[in-house]
Amino acid sequence: MAKGLGQQGKTGLNSQKGTQGNSALVAVAERRRWPRRQVERLLAYSWLDQDQKPLDMGMAKTLDLSEGGAGILIHRALVGGETLHLFMAVEENLVETTAKVVYQKPLPGGYYQIGACFLSMEEKARRCLTGPNFET
């Protein structure tokens, strides 16, 4: 199993004041170890306690995926550091992984966007996320 597949940061745009005082959008350098692909996949999850025992289960969907993590749309508020056991279909394969919640952002309608860093994943599952036939 590959361990510690976490992301090292985010890409985005930051607003910075120019020398004339006007705001300009400045691209931030890519700090992720693996590129994210915008892709929606249904997934099943188990929310785990500190002893890795399931507290609850549910369904969610990915917003983006990479070899090291995922952006997930979920109906539950989670805090950074909580652990999820994930199952998702990628192509004709079932990808199973454990992930740590890195951030949470509340959205309208009772939804939350979370960022999850994969902690462990079988090599075959990881190849599904990086293979040339991975559909977006």
C-alpha atoms as a PDB file:
ATOM      1  CA  MET A   1       0.000   0.000   0.000  1.00  0.00           C
ATOM      2  CA  ALA A   2       1.085   3.519  -0.681  1.00  0.00           C
ATOM      3  CA  LYS A   3       1.016   5.592   2.497  1.00  0.00           C
ATOM      4  CA  GLY A   4       0.937   9.324   3.088  1.00  0.00           C
ATOM      5  CA  LEU A   5      -0.431  10.367  -0.288  1.00  0.00           C
ATOM      6  CA  GLY A   6      -1.411  13.826   0.921  1.00  0.00           C
ATOM      7  CA  GLN A   7      -1.527  17.086  -0.944  1.00  0.00           C
ATOM      8  CA  GLN A   8       1.050  19.756  -0.246  1.00  0.00           C
ATOM      9  CA  GLY A   9      -1.156  22.791  -0.875  1.00  0.00           C
ATOM     10  CA  LYS A  10      -3.569  24.363  -3.325  1.00  0.00           C
ATOM     11  CA  THR A  11      -3.596  26.238  -6.566  1.00  0.00           C
ATOM     12  CA  GLY A  12      -5.626  29.356  -6.810  1.00  0.00           C
ATOM     13  CA  LEU A  13      -5.767  33.055  -7.351  1.00  0.00           C
ATOM     14  CA  ASN A  14      -4.881  35.527  -4.652  1.00  0.00           C
ATOM     15  CA  SER A  15      -5.939  39.140  -4.641  1.00  0.00           C
ATOM     16  CA  GLN A  16      -2.954  41.390  -4.087  1.00  0.00           C
ATOM     17  CA  LYS A  17      -2.642  45.181  -4.025  1.00  0.00           C
ATOM     18  CA  GLY A  18      -0.511  46.573  -6.809  1.00  0.00           C
ATOM     19  CA  THR A  19       1.861  49.498  -6.449  1.00  0.00           C
ATOM     20  CA  GLN A  20      -0.993  51.848  -7.421  1.00  0.00           C
ATOM     21  CA  GLY A  21      -3.335  50.403  -4.757  1.00  0.00           C
ATOM     22  CA  ASN A  22      -5.580  48.528  -7.203  1.00  0.00           C
ATOM     23  CA  SER A  23      -6.300  44.839  -6.678  1.00  0.00           C
ATOM     24  CA  ALA A  24      -4.904  42.383  -9.164  1.00  0.00           C
ATOM     25  CA  LEU A  25      -5.443  38.650  -9.354  1.00  0.00           C
ATOM     26  CA  VAL A  26      -2.122  36.869  -9.167  1.00  0.00           C
ATOM     27  CA  ALA A  27      -1.785  33.168  -9.976  1.00  0.00           C
ATOM     28  CA  VAL A  28      -0.355  31.108  -7.129  1.00  0.00           C
ATOM     29  CA  ALA A  29       2.174  28.465  -8.120  1.00  0.00           C
ATOM     30  CA  GLU A  30       0.953  24.864  -8.089  1.00  0.00           C
ATOM     31  CA  ARG A  31       2.024  23.254  -4.835  1.00  0.00           C
ATOM     32  CA  ARG A  32       0.124  19.988  -5.140  1.00  0.00           C
ATOM     33  CA  ARG A  33       2.141  16.857  -5.625  1.00  0.00           C
ATOM     34  CA  TRP A  34      -0.451  15.476  -8.086  1.00  0.00           C
ATOM     35  CA  PRO A  35      -2.747  17.318 -10.487  1.00  0.00           C
ATOM     36  CA  ARG A  36      -6.479  17.259  -9.771  1.00  0.00           C
ATOM     37  CA  ARG A  37      -9.028  16.293 -12.389  1.00  0.00           C
ATOM     38  CA  GLN A  38     -12.491  17.833 -12.225  1.00  0.00           C
ATOM     39  CA  VAL A  39     -14.631  14.698 -12.070  1.00  0.00           C
ATOM     40  CA  GLU A  40     -17.849  13.673 -10.347  1.00  0.00           C
ATOM     41  CA  ARG A  41     -18.065  10.153  -8.936  1.00  0.00           C
ATOM     42  CA  LEU A  42     -20.530   8.802  -6.410  1.00  0.00           C
ATOM     43  CA  LEU A  43     -18.856   7.402  -3.350  1.00  0.00           C
ATOM     44  CA  ALA A  44     -19.842   5.596  -0.200  1.00  0.00           C
ATOM     45  CA  TYR A  45     -18.089   6.524   3.021  1.00  0.00           C
ATOM     46  CA  SER A  46     -17.757   5.385   6.596  1.00  0.00           C
ATOM     47  CA  TRP A  47     -16.923   8.069   9.143  1.00  0.00           C
ATOM     48  CA  LEU A  48     -14.387   6.534  11.561  1.00  0.00           C
ATOM     49  CA  ASP A  49     -13.655   7.278  15.216  1.00  0.00           C
ATOM     50  CA  GLN A  50     -10.169   7.465  16.759  1.00  0.00           C
ATOM     51  CA  ASP A  51     -10.071   3.659  17.046  1.00  0.00           C
ATOM     52  CA  GLN A  52     -10.962   3.318  13.325  1.00  0.00           C
ATOM     53  CA  LYS A  53     -14.434   2.008  14.174  1.00  0.00           C
ATOM     54  CA  PRO A  54     -17.354   3.259  12.018  1.00  0.00           C
ATOM     55  CA  LEU A  55     -19.478   6.014  13.572  1.00  0.00           C
ATOM     56  CA  ASP A  56     -21.798   6.464  10.600  1.00  0.00           C
ATOM     57  CA  MET A  57     -22.098   5.791   6.868  1.00  0.00           C
ATOM     58  CA  GLY A  58     -23.365   7.781   3.929  1.00  0.00           C
ATOM     59  CA  MET A  59     -23.159   8.720   0.276  1.00  0.00           C
ATOM     60  CA  ALA A  60     -21.358  11.701  -1.249  1.00  0.00           C
ATOM     61  CA  LYS A  61     -19.762  12.658  -4.556  1.00  0.00           C
ATOM     62  CA  THR A  62     -16.353  13.780  -5.664  1.00  0.00           C
ATOM     63  CA  LEU A  63     -15.822  17.208  -7.166  1.00  0.00           C
ATOM     64  CA  ASP A  64     -12.239  16.473  -8.163  1.00  0.00           C
ATOM     65  CA  LEU A  65      -9.791  13.607  -7.824  1.00  0.00           C
ATOM     66  CA  SER A  66      -6.054  13.097  -7.844  1.00  0.00           C
ATOM     67  CA  GLU A  67      -3.660  10.375  -6.855  1.00  0.00           C
ATOM     68  CA  GLY A  68      -3.278  12.038  -3.454  1.00  0.00           C
ATOM     69  CA  GLY A  69      -6.728  13.289  -2.514  1.00  0.00           C
ATOM     70  CA  ALA A  70     -10.190  14.467  -3.449  1.00  0.00           C
ATOM     71  CA  GLY A  71     -12.595  17.338  -3.171  1.00  0.00           C
ATOM     72  CA  ILE A  72     -15.900  15.905  -1.907  1.00  0.00           C
ATOM     73  CA  LEU A  73     -19.457  17.250  -1.675  1.00  0.00           C
ATOM     74  CA  ILE A  74     -21.109  15.842   1.461  1.00  0.00           C
ATOM     75  CA  HIS A  75     -24.198  16.430   3.659  1.00  0.00           C
ATOM     76  CA  ARG A  76     -22.311  16.274   6.970  1.00  0.00           C
ATOM     77  CA  ALA A  77     -20.121  18.755   8.793  1.00  0.00           C
ATOM     78  CA  LEU A  78     -16.697  17.257   9.430  1.00  0.00           C
ATOM     79  CA  VAL A  79     -13.632  18.828  10.994  1.00  0.00           C
ATOM     80  CA  GLY A  80     -10.020  18.643   9.927  1.00  0.00           C
ATOM     81  CA  GLY A  81      -8.283  15.495  11.072  1.00  0.00           C
ATOM     82  CA  GLU A  82     -11.336  13.231  10.982  1.00  0.00           C
ATOM     83  CA  THR A  83     -10.951   9.969   9.076  1.00  0.00           C
ATOM     84  CA  LEU A  84     -13.147   8.539   6.319  1.00  0.00           C
ATOM     85  CA  HIS A  85     -13.084   5.125   4.671  1.00  0.00           C
ATOM     86  CA  LEU A  86     -14.075   5.700   1.013  1.00  0.00           C
ATOM     87  CA  PHE A  87     -15.381   3.419  -1.738  1.00  0.00           C
ATOM     88  CA  MET A  88     -15.824   4.832  -5.253  1.00  0.00           C
ATOM     89  CA  ALA A  89     -16.267   3.447  -8.736  1.00  0.00           C
ATOM     90  CA  VAL A  90     -13.570   4.487 -11.203  1.00  0.00           C
ATOM     91  CA  GLU A  91     -14.016   3.015 -14.648  1.00  0.00           C
ATOM     92  CA  GLU A  92     -14.935  -0.626 -13.933  1.00  0.00           C
ATOM     93  CA  ASN A  93     -12.986  -0.771 -10.669  1.00  0.00           C
ATOM     94  CA  LEU A  94     -13.911  -0.202  -7.054  1.00  0.00           C
ATOM     95  CA  VAL A  95     -11.354   2.103  -5.439  1.00  0.00           C
ATOM     96  CA  GLU A  96     -11.088   1.777  -1.671  1.00  0.00           C
ATOM     97  CA  THR A  97      -9.039   4.176   0.420  1.00  0.00           C
ATOM     98  CA  THR A  98      -8.766   5.807   3.818  1.00  0.00           C
ATOM     99  CA  ALA A  99      -8.637   9.601   3.860  1.00  0.00           C
ATOM    100  CA  LYS A 100      -8.106  12.393   6.366  1.00  0.00           C
ATOM    101  CA  VAL A 101     -10.272  15.508   6.215  1.00  0.00           C
ATOM    102  CA  VAL A 102      -8.005  18.501   5.583  1.00  0.00           C
ATOM    103  CA  TYR A 103     -10.597  21.277   5.351  1.00  0.00           C
ATOM    104  CA  GLN A 104     -14.336  21.881   5.303  1.00  0.00           C
ATOM    105  CA  LYS A 105     -16.304  24.691   3.678  1.00  0.00           C
ATOM    106  CA  PRO A 106     -20.061  25.136   4.301  1.00  0.00           C
ATOM    107  CA  LEU A 107     -22.168  25.531   1.150  1.00  0.00           C
ATOM    108  CA  PRO A 108     -25.801  26.579   0.618  1.00  0.00           C
ATOM    109  CA  GLY A 109     -28.518  23.961   1.100  1.00  0.00           C
ATOM    110  CA  GLY A 110     -26.898  22.117   3.993  1.00  0.00           C
ATOM    111  CA  TYR A 111     -23.961  20.802   1.962  1.00  0.00           C
ATOM    112  CA  TYR A 112     -20.264  20.916   2.765  1.00  0.00           C
ATOM    113  CA  GLN A 113     -17.217  20.775   0.541  1.00  0.00           C
ATOM    114  CA  ILE A 114     -14.364  18.903   2.138  1.00  0.00           C
ATOM    115  CA  GLY A 115     -10.810  18.360   1.052  1.00  0.00           C
ATOM    116  CA  ALA A 116      -9.554  14.863   1.824  1.00  0.00           C
ATOM    117  CA  CYS A 117      -5.982  13.594   1.726  1.00  0.00           C
ATOM    118  CA  PHE A 118      -5.630   9.880   0.939  1.00  0.00           C
ATOM    119  CA  LEU A 119      -3.751   8.070   3.703  1.00  0.00           C
ATOM    120  CA  SER A 120      -3.479   4.622   2.134  1.00  0.00           C
ATOM    121  CA  MET A 121      -4.465   3.009  -1.136  1.00  0.00           C
ATOM    122  CA  GLU A 122      -3.714  -0.246  -2.925  1.00  0.00           C
ATOM    123  CA  GLU A 123      -1.420   0.148  -5.927  1.00  0.00           C
ATOM    124  CA  LYS A 124      -4.100  -1.176  -8.320  1.00  0.00           C
ATOM    125  CA  ALA A 125      -6.538   1.478  -7.090  1.00  0.00           C
ATOM    126  CA  ARG A 126      -3.952   4.210  -7.495  1.00  0.00           C
ATOM    127  CA  ARG A 127      -3.308   3.107 -11.089  1.00  0.00           C
ATOM    128  CA  CYS A 128      -7.050   3.573 -11.734  1.00  0.00           C
ATOM    129  CA  LEU A 129      -6.703   7.245 -10.768  1.00  0.00           C
ATOM    130  CA  THR A 130      -3.634   7.806 -12.931  1.00  0.00           C
ATOM    131  CA  GLY A 131      -4.255   5.551 -15.906  1.00  0.00           C
ATOM    132  CA  PRO A 132      -4.657   6.870 -19.448  1.00  0.00           C
ATOM    133  CA  ASN A 133      -8.258   5.614 -19.601  1.00  0.00           C
ATOM    134  CA  PHE A 134      -9.401   7.577 -16.565  1.00  0.00           C
ATOM    135  CA  GLU A 135     -12.443   9.520 -17.766  1.00  0.00           C
ATOM    136  CA  THR A 136     -13.210  13.034 -16.627  1.00  0.00           C
END
